[in-house]
PDB file of N, CA and C in Angstrom:
ATOM      1  N   MET A   1     -32.845 -48.415-104.131  1.00  0.00           N
ATOM      2  CA  MET A   1     -31.641 -49.183-104.076  1.00  0.00           C
ATOM      3  C   MET A   1     -31.541 -49.935-105.393  1.00  0.00           C
ATOM      4  N   LEU A   2     -30.575 -49.612-106.205  1.00  0.00           N
ATOM      5  CA  LEU A   2     -30.399 -50.256-107.495  1.00  0.00           C
ATOM      6  C   LEU A   2     -29.089 -51.011-107.524  1.00  0.00           C
ATOM      7  N   ALA A   3     -29.108 -52.176-108.131  1.00  0.00           N
ATOM      8  CA  ALA A   3     -27.879 -52.922-108.340  1.00  0.00           C
ATOM      9  C   ALA A   3     -27.867 -53.329-109.798  1.00  0.00           C
ATOM     10  N   ALA A   4     -26.807 -53.049-110.464  1.00  0.00           N
ATOM     11  CA  ALA A   4     -26.744 -53.388-111.886  1.00  0.00           C
ATOM     12  C   ALA A   4     -25.499 -54.203-112.152  1.00  0.00           C
ATOM     13  N   PHE A   5     -25.645 -55.156-112.994  1.00  0.00           N
ATOM     14  CA  PHE A   5     -24.529 -55.965-113.445  1.00  0.00           C
ATOM     15  C   PHE A   5     -24.284 -55.603-114.906  1.00  0.00           C
ATOM     16  N   PRO A   6     -23.156 -55.966-115.446  1.00  0.00           N
ATOM     17  CA  PRO A   6     -22.882 -55.621-116.837  1.00  0.00           C
ATOM     18  C   PRO A   6     -23.985 -56.102-117.777  1.00  0.00           C
ATOM     19  N   ALA A   7     -24.146 -55.398-118.873  1.00  0.00           N
ATOM     20  CA  ALA A   7     -25.127 -55.780-119.888  1.00  0.00           C
ATOM     21  C   ALA A   7     -24.807 -57.190-120.365  1.00  0.00           C
ATOM     22  N   PRO A   8     -25.775 -57.884-120.979  1.00  0.00           N
ATOM     23  CA  PRO A   8     -25.538 -59.247-121.413  1.00  0.00           C
ATOM     24  C   PRO A   8     -24.219 -59.385-122.169  1.00  0.00           C
ATOM     25  N   ALA A   9     -23.444 -60.328-121.705  1.00  0.00           N
ATOM     26  CA  ALA A   9     -22.157 -60.608-122.334  1.00  0.00           C
ATOM     27  C   ALA A   9     -21.831 -62.059-122.098  1.00  0.00           C
ATOM     28  N   ALA A  10     -21.095 -62.629-122.986  1.00  0.00           N
ATOM     29  CA  ALA A  10     -20.714 -64.028-122.839  1.00  0.00           C
ATOM     30  C   ALA A  10     -19.694 -64.160-121.727  1.00  0.00           C
ATOM     31  N   GLY A  11     -19.943 -65.086-120.812  1.00  0.00           N
ATOM     32  CA  GLY A  11     -18.995 -65.364-119.746  1.00  0.00           C
ATOM     33  C   GLY A  11     -17.987 -66.397-120.222  1.00  0.00           C
ATOM     34  N   GLY A  12     -17.058 -66.736-119.366  1.00  0.00           N
ATOM     35  CA  GLY A  12     -16.037 -67.709-119.714  1.00  0.00           C
ATOM     36  C   GLY A  12     -16.613 -69.076-119.998  1.00  0.00           C
ATOM     37  N   ASN A  13     -17.787 -69.379-119.447  1.00  0.00           N
ATOM     38  CA  ASN A  13     -18.391 -70.686-119.649  1.00  0.00           C
ATOM     39  C   ASN A  13     -19.521 -70.638-120.687  1.00  0.00           C
ATOM     40  N   GLY A  14     -19.622 -69.552-121.427  1.00  0.00           N
ATOM     41  CA  GLY A  14     -20.629 -69.435-122.482  1.00  0.00           C
ATOM     42  C   GLY A  14     -21.967 -68.894-122.005  1.00  0.00           C
ATOM     43  N   GLU A  15     -22.126 -68.669-120.683  1.00  0.00           N
ATOM     44  CA  GLU A  15     -23.373 -68.124-120.176  1.00  0.00           C
ATOM     45  C   GLU A  15     -23.407 -66.615-120.381  1.00  0.00           C
ATOM     46  N   THR A  16     -24.607 -66.079-120.475  1.00  0.00           N
ATOM     47  CA  THR A  16     -24.727 -64.624-120.558  1.00  0.00           C
ATOM     48  C   THR A  16     -25.183 -64.094-119.220  1.00  0.00           C
ATOM     49  N   LYS A  17     -24.710 -62.911-118.866  1.00  0.00           N
ATOM     50  CA  LYS A  17     -25.121 -62.250-117.627  1.00  0.00           C
ATOM     51  C   LYS A  17     -26.169 -61.212-117.990  1.00  0.00           C
ATOM     52  N   LEU A  18     -27.294 -61.250-117.267  1.00  0.00           N
ATOM     53  CA  LEU A  18     -28.355 -60.292-117.500  1.00  0.00           C
ATOM     54  C   LEU A  18     -28.217 -59.136-116.529  1.00  0.00           C
ATOM     55  N   GLU A  19     -28.576 -57.938-117.000  1.00  0.00           N
ATOM     56  CA  GLU A  19     -28.610 -56.790-116.116  1.00  0.00           C
ATOM     57  C   GLU A  19     -29.732 -57.024-115.100  1.00  0.00           C
ATOM     58  N   VAL A  20     -29.429 -56.811-113.825  1.00  0.00           N
ATOM     59  CA  VAL A  20     -30.409 -56.997-112.767  1.00  0.00           C
ATOM     60  C   VAL A  20     -30.635 -55.661-112.080  1.00  0.00           C
ATOM     61  N   ILE A  21     -31.884 -55.261-112.003  1.00  0.00           N
ATOM     62  CA  ILE A  21     -32.269 -54.046-111.286  1.00  0.00           C
ATOM     63  C   ILE A  21     -33.168 -54.485-110.148  1.00  0.00           C
ATOM     64  N   GLU A  22     -32.765 -54.153-108.916  1.00  0.00           N
ATOM     65  CA  GLU A  22     -33.520 -54.581-107.744  1.00  0.00           C
ATOM     66  C   GLU A  22     -34.851 -53.858-107.625  1.00  0.00           C
ATOM     67  N   ALA A  23     -35.809 -54.549-107.050  1.00  0.00           N
ATOM     68  CA  ALA A  23     -37.095 -53.946-106.720  1.00  0.00           C
ATOM     69  C   ALA A  23     -36.881 -52.908-105.622  1.00  0.00           C
ATOM     70  N   CYS A  24     -37.755 -51.895-105.577  1.00  0.00           N
ATOM     71  CA  CYS A  24     -37.642 -50.883-104.521  1.00  0.00           C
ATOM     72  C   CYS A  24     -39.021 -50.301-104.217  1.00  0.00           C
ATOM     73  N   PRO A  25     -39.227 -49.895-102.955  1.00  0.00           N
ATOM     74  CA  PRO A  25     -40.512 -49.306-102.580  1.00  0.00           C
ATOM     75  C   PRO A  25     -40.732 -47.962-103.272  1.00  0.00           C
ATOM     76  N   LEU A  26     -41.970 -47.665-103.587  1.00  0.00           N
ATOM     77  CA  LEU A  26     -42.345 -46.362-104.132  1.00  0.00           C
ATOM     78  C   LEU A  26     -42.779 -45.506-102.941  1.00  0.00           C
ATOM     79  N   TYR A  27     -41.776 -45.014-102.182  1.00  0.00           N
ATOM     80  CA  TYR A  27     -42.049 -44.338-100.917  1.00  0.00           C
ATOM     81  C   TYR A  27     -43.032 -43.182-101.053  1.00  0.00           C
ATOM     82  N   ARG A  28     -42.925 -42.394-102.105  1.00  0.00           N
ATOM     83  CA  ARG A  28     -43.800 -41.223-102.246  1.00  0.00           C
ATOM     84  C   ARG A  28     -45.254 -41.593-102.531  1.00  0.00           C
ATOM     85  N   GLN A  29     -45.483 -42.800-103.017  1.00  0.00           N
ATOM     86  CA  GLN A  29     -46.847 -43.232-103.334  1.00  0.00           C
ATOM     87  C   GLN A  29     -47.477 -44.062-102.224  1.00  0.00           C
ATOM     88  N   ASN A  30     -46.688 -44.431-101.226  1.00  0.00           N
ATOM     89  CA  ASN A  30     -47.179 -45.302-100.160  1.00  0.00           C
ATOM     90  C   ASN A  30     -47.371 -44.518 -98.864  1.00  0.00           C
ATOM     91  N   PRO A  31     -48.512 -44.721 -98.212  1.00  0.00           N
ATOM     92  CA  PRO A  31     -48.712 -44.022 -96.943  1.00  0.00           C
ATOM     93  C   PRO A  31     -47.810 -44.618 -95.860  1.00  0.00           C
ATOM     94  N   PRO A  32     -47.290 -43.769 -94.976  1.00  0.00           N
ATOM     95  CA  PRO A  32     -46.479 -44.322 -93.883  1.00  0.00           C
ATOM     96  C   PRO A  32     -47.379 -45.120 -92.944  1.00  0.00           C
ATOM     97  N   PRO A  33     -46.794 -46.047 -92.209  1.00  0.00           N
ATOM     98  CA  PRO A  33     -47.613 -46.802 -91.250  1.00  0.00           C
ATOM     99  C   PRO A  33     -48.207 -45.871 -90.197  1.00  0.00           C
ATOM    100  N   ASP A  34     -49.381 -46.208 -89.723  1.00  0.00           N
ATOM    101  CA  ASP A  34     -49.969 -45.472 -88.611  1.00  0.00           C
ATOM    102  C   ASP A  34     -49.143 -45.778 -87.360  1.00  0.00           C
ATOM    103  N   TYR A  35     -48.863 -44.742 -86.587  1.00  0.00           N
ATOM    104  CA  TYR A  35     -48.153 -44.929 -85.319  1.00  0.00           C
ATOM    105  C   TYR A  35     -49.200 -45.430 -84.325  1.00  0.00           C
ATOM    106  N   PRO A  36     -49.046 -46.642 -83.803  1.00  0.00           N
ATOM    107  CA  PRO A  36     -50.061 -47.151 -82.881  1.00  0.00           C
ATOM    108  C   PRO A  36     -50.222 -46.216 -81.677  1.00  0.00           C
ATOM    109  N   PRO A  37     -51.454 -45.808 -81.351  1.00  0.00           N
ATOM    110  CA  PRO A  37     -51.663 -44.872 -80.248  1.00  0.00           C
ATOM    111  C   PRO A  37     -51.047 -45.339 -78.923  1.00  0.00           C
ATOM    112  N   LEU A  38     -51.154 -46.632 -78.626  1.00  0.00           N
ATOM    113  CA  LEU A  38     -50.593 -47.145 -77.379  1.00  0.00           C
ATOM    114  C   LEU A  38     -49.064 -47.048 -77.390  1.00  0.00           C
ATOM    115  N   ALA A  39     -48.460 -47.298 -78.545  1.00  0.00           N
ATOM    116  CA  ALA A  39     -47.000 -47.175 -78.667  1.00  0.00           C
ATOM    117  C   ALA A  39     -46.590 -45.714 -78.477  1.00  0.00           C
ATOM    118  N   ARG A  40     -47.353 -44.819 -79.054  1.00  0.00           N
ATOM    119  CA  ARG A  40     -47.071 -43.385 -78.900  1.00  0.00           C
ATOM    120  C   ARG A  40     -47.187 -42.981 -77.419  1.00  0.00           C
ATOM    121  N   LYS A  41     -48.257 -43.443 -76.771  1.00  0.00           N
ATOM    122  CA  LYS A  41     -48.489 -43.118 -75.359  1.00  0.00           C
ATOM    123  C   LYS A  41     -47.341 -43.635 -74.477  1.00  0.00           C
ATOM    124  N   ARG A  42     -46.842 -44.811 -74.825  1.00  0.00           N
ATOM    125  CA  ARG A  42     -45.748 -45.418 -74.044  1.00  0.00           C
ATOM    126  C   ARG A  42     -44.371 -44.887 -74.435  1.00  0.00           C
ATOM    127  N   GLY A  43     -44.316 -44.068 -75.485  1.00  0.00           N
ATOM    128  CA  GLY A  43     -43.037 -43.508 -75.922  1.00  0.00           C
ATOM    129  C   GLY A  43     -42.157 -44.500 -76.655  1.00  0.00           C
ATOM    130  N   LEU A  44     -42.773 -45.498 -77.294  1.00  0.00           N
ATOM    131  CA  LEU A  44     -42.007 -46.534 -77.989  1.00  0.00           C
ATOM    132  C   LEU A  44     -41.506 -46.024 -79.339  1.00  0.00           C
ATOM    133  N   GLU A  45     -40.254 -46.312 -79.635  1.00  0.00           N
ATOM    134  CA  GLU A  45     -39.639 -45.970 -80.920  1.00  0.00           C
ATOM    135  C   GLU A  45     -38.805 -47.162 -81.373  1.00  0.00           C
ATOM    136  N   GLY A  46     -38.484 -47.177 -82.656  1.00  0.00           N
ATOM    137  CA  GLY A  46     -37.617 -48.234 -83.163  1.00  0.00           C
ATOM    138  C   GLY A  46     -37.729 -48.375 -84.662  1.00  0.00           C
ATOM    139  N   THR A  47     -36.863 -49.214 -85.198  1.00  0.00           N
ATOM    140  CA  THR A  47     -36.860 -49.491 -86.631  1.00  0.00           C
ATOM    141  C   THR A  47     -37.144 -50.968 -86.845  1.00  0.00           C
ATOM    142  N   VAL A  48     -38.106 -51.226 -87.704  1.00  0.00           N
ATOM    143  CA  VAL A  48     -38.489 -52.578 -88.101  1.00  0.00           C
ATOM    144  C   VAL A  48     -37.879 -52.818 -89.476  1.00  0.00           C
ATOM    145  N   GLU A  49     -37.313 -53.992 -89.701  1.00  0.00           N
ATOM    146  CA  GLU A  49     -36.847 -54.339 -91.043  1.00  0.00           C
ATOM    147  C   GLU A  49     -37.679 -55.504 -91.542  1.00  0.00           C
ATOM    148  N   LEU A  50     -38.230 -55.313 -92.725  1.00  0.00           N
ATOM    149  CA  LEU A  50     -39.094 -56.318 -93.341  1.00  0.00           C
ATOM    150  C   LEU A  50     -38.475 -56.833 -94.624  1.00  0.00           C
ATOM    151  N   ASP A  51     -38.632 -58.130 -94.871  1.00  0.00           N
ATOM    152  CA  ASP A  51     -38.271 -58.702 -96.162  1.00  0.00           C
ATOM    153  C   ASP A  51     -39.565 -58.817 -96.955  1.00  0.00           C
ATOM    154  N   VAL A  52     -39.550 -58.256 -98.170  1.00  0.00           N
ATOM    155  CA  VAL A  52     -40.749 -58.225 -99.000  1.00  0.00           C
ATOM    156  C   VAL A  52     -40.446 -58.911-100.336  1.00  0.00           C
ATOM    157  N   LEU A  53     -41.295 -59.884-100.685  1.00  0.00           N
ATOM    158  CA  LEU A  53     -41.207 -60.486-102.010  1.00  0.00           C
ATOM    159  C   LEU A  53     -42.101 -59.659-102.919  1.00  0.00           C
ATOM    160  N   VAL A  54     -41.467 -58.897-103.807  1.00  0.00           N
ATOM    161  CA  VAL A  54     -42.190 -58.020-104.718  1.00  0.00           C
ATOM    162  C   VAL A  54     -42.522 -58.806-105.980  1.00  0.00           C
ATOM    163  N   SER A  55     -43.803 -58.836-106.324  1.00  0.00           N
ATOM    164  CA  SER A  55     -44.244 -59.569-107.512  1.00  0.00           C
ATOM    165  C   SER A  55     -43.905 -58.761-108.771  1.00  0.00           C
ATOM    166  N   PRO A  56     -43.940 -59.388-109.923  1.00  0.00           N
ATOM    167  CA  PRO A  56     -43.649 -58.663-111.169  1.00  0.00           C
ATOM    168  C   PRO A  56     -44.588 -57.490-111.433  1.00  0.00           C
ATOM    169  N   ASP A  57     -45.783 -57.485-110.807  1.00  0.00           N
ATOM    170  CA  ASP A  57     -46.699 -56.348-111.017  1.00  0.00           C
ATOM    171  C   ASP A  57     -46.469 -55.221-110.004  1.00  0.00           C
ATOM    172  N   GLY A  58     -45.498 -55.388-109.100  1.00  0.00           N
ATOM    173  CA  GLY A  58     -45.159 -54.335-108.153  1.00  0.00           C
ATOM    174  C   GLY A  58     -45.891 -54.399-106.823  1.00  0.00           C
ATOM    175  N   SER A  59     -46.689 -55.434-106.603  1.00  0.00           N
ATOM    176  CA  SER A  59     -47.367 -55.577-105.312  1.00  0.00           C
ATOM    177  C   SER A  59     -46.502 -56.417-104.369  1.00  0.00           C
ATOM    178  N   ALA A  60     -46.812 -56.319-103.075  1.00  0.00           N
ATOM    179  CA  ALA A  60     -46.102 -57.105-102.072  1.00  0.00           C
ATOM    180  C   ALA A  60     -46.753 -58.477-102.001  1.00  0.00           C
ATOM    181  N   ASP A  61     -46.058 -59.487-102.483  1.00  0.00           N
ATOM    182  CA  ASP A  61     -46.600 -60.841-102.500  1.00  0.00           C
ATOM    183  C   ASP A  61     -46.486 -61.482-101.117  1.00  0.00           C
ATOM    184  N   THR A  62     -45.333 -61.328-100.489  1.00  0.00           N
ATOM    185  CA  THR A  62     -45.078 -61.875 -99.158  1.00  0.00           C
ATOM    186  C   THR A  62     -44.320 -60.830 -98.361  1.00  0.00           C
ATOM    187  N   VAL A  63     -44.714 -60.629 -97.102  1.00  0.00           N
ATOM    188  CA  VAL A  63     -44.010 -59.693 -96.220  1.00  0.00           C
ATOM    189  C   VAL A  63     -43.720 -60.447 -94.930  1.00  0.00           C
ATOM    190  N   ARG A  64     -42.444 -60.432 -94.530  1.00  0.00           N
ATOM    191  CA  ARG A  64     -42.089 -61.117 -93.288  1.00  0.00           C
ATOM    192  C   ARG A  64     -41.115 -60.273 -92.475  1.00  0.00           C
ATOM    193  N   LEU A  65     -41.170 -60.459 -91.191  1.00  0.00           N
ATOM    194  CA  LEU A  65     -40.320 -59.718 -90.271  1.00  0.00           C
ATOM    195  C   LEU A  65     -38.885 -60.225 -90.391  1.00  0.00           C
ATOM    196  N   ALA A  66     -37.961 -59.317 -90.680  1.00  0.00           N
ATOM    197  CA  ALA A  66     -36.545 -59.669 -90.767  1.00  0.00           C
ATOM    198  C   ALA A  66     -35.822 -59.278 -89.488  1.00  0.00           C
ATOM    199  N   LEU A  67     -36.164 -58.102 -88.953  1.00  0.00           N
ATOM    200  CA  LEU A  67     -35.529 -57.603 -87.738  1.00  0.00           C
ATOM    201  C   LEU A  67     -36.562 -56.813 -86.951  1.00  0.00           C
ATOM    202  N   THR A  68     -36.793 -57.223 -85.726  1.00  0.00           N
ATOM    203  CA  THR A  68     -37.798 -56.573 -84.894  1.00  0.00           C
ATOM    204  C   THR A  68     -37.315 -55.228 -84.369  1.00  0.00           C
ATOM    205  N   SER A  69     -38.271 -54.377 -84.096  1.00  0.00           N
ATOM    206  CA  SER A  69     -37.973 -53.096 -83.444  1.00  0.00           C
ATOM    207  C   SER A  69     -37.793 -53.289 -81.947  1.00  0.00           C
ATOM    208  N   GLY A  70     -38.193 -54.458 -81.492  1.00  0.00           N
ATOM    209  CA  GLY A  70     -38.200 -54.728 -80.063  1.00  0.00           C
ATOM    210  C   GLY A  70     -39.562 -54.477 -79.437  1.00  0.00           C
ATOM    211  N   HIS A  71     -40.513 -54.024 -80.277  1.00  0.00           N
ATOM    212  CA  HIS A  71     -41.861 -53.711 -79.800  1.00  0.00           C
ATOM    213  C   HIS A  71     -42.881 -54.315 -80.758  1.00  0.00           C
ATOM    214  N   ASP A  72     -43.657 -55.252 -80.263  1.00  0.00           N
ATOM    215  CA  ASP A  72     -44.644 -55.939 -81.092  1.00  0.00           C
ATOM    216  C   ASP A  72     -45.629 -54.973 -81.750  1.00  0.00           C
ATOM    217  N   LEU A  73     -46.032 -53.936 -81.037  1.00  0.00           N
ATOM    218  CA  LEU A  73     -46.973 -52.956 -81.595  1.00  0.00           C
ATOM    219  C   LEU A  73     -46.416 -52.305 -82.863  1.00  0.00           C
ATOM    220  N   LEU A  74     -45.154 -51.933 -82.833  1.00  0.00           N
ATOM    221  CA  LEU A  74     -44.525 -51.290 -83.997  1.00  0.00           C
ATOM    222  C   LEU A  74     -44.318 -52.300 -85.124  1.00  0.00           C
ATOM    223  N   ASP A  75     -43.895 -53.506 -84.771  1.00  0.00           N
ATOM    224  CA  ASP A  75     -43.679 -54.537 -85.788  1.00  0.00           C
ATOM    225  C   ASP A  75     -44.963 -54.831 -86.551  1.00  0.00           C
ATOM    226  N   ARG A  76     -46.065 -54.980 -85.814  1.00  0.00           N
ATOM    227  CA  ARG A  76     -47.345 -55.282 -86.468  1.00  0.00           C
ATOM    228  C   ARG A  76     -47.834 -54.123 -87.334  1.00  0.00           C
ATOM    229  N   ALA A  77     -47.629 -52.901 -86.877  1.00  0.00           N
ATOM    230  CA  ALA A  77     -48.044 -51.734 -87.670  1.00  0.00           C
ATOM    231  C   ALA A  77     -47.262 -51.669 -88.977  1.00  0.00           C
ATOM    232  N   ALA A  78     -45.970 -51.953 -88.916  1.00  0.00           N
ATOM    233  CA  ALA A  78     -45.145 -51.941 -90.129  1.00  0.00           C
ATOM    234  C   ALA A  78     -45.580 -53.034 -91.092  1.00  0.00           C
ATOM    235  N   LEU A  79     -45.787 -54.239 -90.595  1.00  0.00           N
ATOM    236  CA  LEU A  79     -46.230 -55.352 -91.448  1.00  0.00           C
ATOM    237  C   LEU A  79     -47.557 -55.026 -92.121  1.00  0.00           C
ATOM    238  N   SER A  80     -48.495 -54.515 -91.355  1.00  0.00           N
ATOM    239  CA  SER A  80     -49.821 -54.191 -91.884  1.00  0.00           C
ATOM    240  C   SER A  80     -49.750 -53.152 -93.002  1.00  0.00           C
ATOM    241  N   ALA A  81     -48.930 -52.132 -92.821  1.00  0.00           N
ATOM    242  CA  ALA A  81     -48.825 -51.065 -93.823  1.00  0.00           C
ATOM    243  C   ALA A  81     -48.119 -51.551 -95.086  1.00  0.00           C
ATOM    244  N   VAL A  82     -46.984 -52.205 -94.925  1.00  0.00           N
ATOM    245  CA  VAL A  82     -46.157 -52.578 -96.083  1.00  0.00           C
ATOM    246  C   VAL A  82     -46.831 -53.641 -96.942  1.00  0.00           C
ATOM    247  N   GLU A  83     -47.707 -54.443 -96.351  1.00  0.00           N
ATOM    248  CA  GLU A  83     -48.461 -55.429 -97.142  1.00  0.00           C
ATOM    249  C   GLU A  83     -49.273 -54.763 -98.245  1.00  0.00           C
ATOM    250  N   LYS A  84     -49.630 -53.488 -98.057  1.00  0.00           N
ATOM    251  CA  LYS A  84     -50.470 -52.769 -99.031  1.00  0.00           C
ATOM    252  C   LYS A  84     -49.666 -51.857 -99.952  1.00  0.00           C
ATOM    253  N   TRP A  85     -48.368 -51.772 -99.752  1.00  0.00           N
ATOM    254  CA  TRP A  85     -47.530 -50.855-100.521  1.00  0.00           C
ATOM    255  C   TRP A  85     -47.353 -51.295-101.965  1.00  0.00           C
ATOM    256  N   LEU A  86     -46.976 -50.316-102.785  1.00  0.00           N
ATOM    257  CA  LEU A  86     -46.612 -50.560-104.179  1.00  0.00           C
ATOM    258  C   LEU A  86     -45.091 -50.435-104.308  1.00  0.00           C
ATOM    259  N   PHE A  87     -44.534 -51.178-105.231  1.00  0.00           N
ATOM    260  CA  PHE A  87     -43.095 -51.211-105.444  1.00  0.00           C
ATOM    261  C   PHE A  87     -42.781 -51.089-106.930  1.00  0.00           C
ATOM    262  N   GLN A  88     -41.601 -50.588-107.213  1.00  0.00           N
ATOM    263  CA  GLN A  88     -41.065 -50.667-108.567  1.00  0.00           C
ATOM    264  C   GLN A  88     -40.550 -52.100-108.680  1.00  0.00           C
ATOM    265  N   PRO A  89     -41.118 -52.913-109.576  1.00  0.00           N
ATOM    266  CA  PRO A  89     -40.683 -54.308-109.636  1.00  0.00           C
ATOM    267  C   PRO A  89     -39.235 -54.426-110.103  1.00  0.00           C
ATOM    268  N   GLY A  90     -38.618 -55.509-109.708  1.00  0.00           N
ATOM    269  CA  GLY A  90     -37.261 -55.790-110.152  1.00  0.00           C
ATOM    270  C   GLY A  90     -37.256 -56.260-111.599  1.00  0.00           C
ATOM    271  N   LYS A  91     -36.097 -56.176-112.211  1.00  0.00           N
ATOM    272  CA  LYS A  91     -35.957 -56.626-113.603  1.00  0.00           C
ATOM    273  C   LYS A  91     -34.715 -57.484-113.734  1.00  0.00           C
ATOM    274  N   LYS A  92     -34.833 -58.501-114.536  1.00  0.00           N
ATOM    275  CA  LYS A  92     -33.698 -59.325-114.956  1.00  0.00           C
ATOM    276  C   LYS A  92     -33.690 -59.254-116.470  1.00  0.00           C
ATOM    277  N   GLY A  93     -32.706 -58.544-116.988  1.00  0.00           N
ATOM    278  CA  GLY A  93     -32.707 -58.278-118.418  1.00  0.00           C
ATOM    279  C   GLY A  93     -33.865 -57.351-118.738  1.00  0.00           C
ATOM    280  N   GLU A  94     -34.660 -57.696-119.701  1.00  0.00           N
ATOM    281  CA  GLU A  94     -35.815 -56.878-120.103  1.00  0.00           C
ATOM    282  C   GLU A  94     -37.104 -57.287-119.393  1.00  0.00           C
ATOM    283  N   GLU A  95     -37.070 -58.360-118.616  1.00  0.00           N
ATOM    284  CA  GLU A  95     -38.280 -58.902-118.002  1.00  0.00           C
ATOM    285  C   GLU A  95     -38.404 -58.494-116.540  1.00  0.00           C
ATOM    286  N   THR A  96     -39.632 -58.114-116.122  1.00  0.00           N
ATOM    287  CA  THR A  96     -39.861 -57.897-114.693  1.00  0.00           C
ATOM    288  C   THR A  96     -39.848 -59.262-114.012  1.00  0.00           C
ATOM    289  N   ALA A  97     -39.408 -59.273-112.763  1.00  0.00           N
ATOM    290  CA  ALA A  97     -39.263 -60.542-112.063  1.00  0.00           C
ATOM    291  C   ALA A  97     -39.590 -60.370-110.588  1.00  0.00           C
ATOM    292  N   ALA A  98     -40.105 -61.428-109.981  1.00  0.00           N
ATOM    293  CA  ALA A  98     -40.321 -61.429-108.538  1.00  0.00           C
ATOM    294  C   ALA A  98     -38.958 -61.339-107.871  1.00  0.00           C
ATOM    295  N   MET A  99     -38.894 -60.554-106.796  1.00  0.00           N
ATOM    296  CA  MET A  99     -37.599 -60.312-106.169  1.00  0.00           C
ATOM    297  C   MET A  99     -37.797 -59.901-104.715  1.00  0.00           C
ATOM    298  N   TRP A 100     -36.910 -60.383-103.842  1.00  0.00           N
ATOM    299  CA  TRP A 100     -36.930 -59.985-102.436  1.00  0.00           C
ATOM    300  C   TRP A 100     -36.222 -58.651-102.261  1.00  0.00           C
ATOM    301  N   VAL A 101     -36.744 -57.833-101.360  1.00  0.00           N
ATOM    302  CA  VAL A 101     -36.128 -56.549-101.023  1.00  0.00           C
ATOM    303  C   VAL A 101     -36.293 -56.325 -99.517  1.00  0.00           C
ATOM    304  N   ARG A 102     -35.289 -55.732 -98.889  1.00  0.00           N
ATOM    305  CA  ARG A 102     -35.345 -55.408 -97.453  1.00  0.00           C
ATOM    306  C   ARG A 102     -35.851 -53.975 -97.309  1.00  0.00           C
ATOM    307  N   VAL A 103     -36.874 -53.795 -96.474  1.00  0.00           N
ATOM    308  CA  VAL A 103     -37.500 -52.488 -96.286  1.00  0.00           C
ATOM    309  C   VAL A 103     -37.430 -52.092 -94.807  1.00  0.00           C
ATOM    310  N   PRO A 104     -36.689 -51.019 -94.486  1.00  0.00           N
ATOM    311  CA  PRO A 104     -36.695 -50.531 -93.106  1.00  0.00           C
ATOM    312  C   PRO A 104     -37.877 -49.580 -92.890  1.00  0.00           C
ATOM    313  N   VAL A 105     -38.500 -49.681 -91.730  1.00  0.00           N
ATOM    314  CA  VAL A 105     -39.593 -48.786 -91.362  1.00  0.00           C
ATOM    315  C   VAL A 105     -39.238 -48.225 -89.989  1.00  0.00           C
ATOM    316  N   ARG A 106     -39.065 -46.908 -89.921  1.00  0.00           N
ATOM    317  CA  ARG A 106     -38.646 -46.261 -88.678  1.00  0.00           C
ATOM    318  C   ARG A 106     -39.826 -45.563 -88.008  1.00  0.00           C
ATOM    319  N   PHE A 107     -39.953 -45.840 -86.733  1.00  0.00           N
ATOM    320  CA  PHE A 107     -40.958 -45.170 -85.913  1.00  0.00           C
ATOM    321  C   PHE A 107     -40.217 -44.255 -84.947  1.00  0.00           C
ATOM    322  N   ALA A 108     -40.467 -42.960 -85.040  1.00  0.00           N
ATOM    323  CA  ALA A 108     -39.794 -41.991 -84.167  1.00  0.00           C
ATOM    324  C   ALA A 108     -40.798 -40.939 -83.740  1.00  0.00           C
ATOM    325  N   LEU A 109     -40.788 -40.652 -82.453  1.00  0.00           N
ATOM    326  CA  LEU A 109     -41.636 -39.603 -81.906  1.00  0.00           C
ATOM    327  C   LEU A 109     -40.889 -38.289 -82.007  1.00  0.00           C
ATOM    328  N   HIS A 110     -41.550 -37.274 -82.478  1.00  0.00           N
ATOM    329  CA  HIS A 110     -40.932 -35.949 -82.595  1.00  0.00           C
ATOM    330  C   HIS A 110     -41.382 -35.135 -81.396  1.00  0.00           C
ATOM    331  N   LYS A 111     -40.429 -34.632 -80.678  1.00  0.00           N
ATOM    332  CA  LYS A 111     -40.739 -33.908 -79.438  1.00  0.00           C
ATOM    333  C   LYS A 111     -40.685 -32.437 -79.643  1.00  0.00           C
TER     334      LYS A 111
END
């Protein structure tokens, strides 16, 4: 998920706007969360949404539950996995910067 603003330019009040590139998960480099065996046995499915503060080095500095799946087992599995994930850090202008990003984690049983 990328968001870009115009390249640095003088605004009406003399301020410059920096290009901002949002942080994003490196999905191909991160292992998916383990499906909790008890959740699988019970047939639990759902999507967890997490807010992650991505540090300038691309690690998850803070991970918090934004939207529950409705199942504590799935929520905890998502939190545990995403805490260890790597991210493409966000940028403000030429500098990497700490930035919040919303990460959905879907748990679905394939029948």
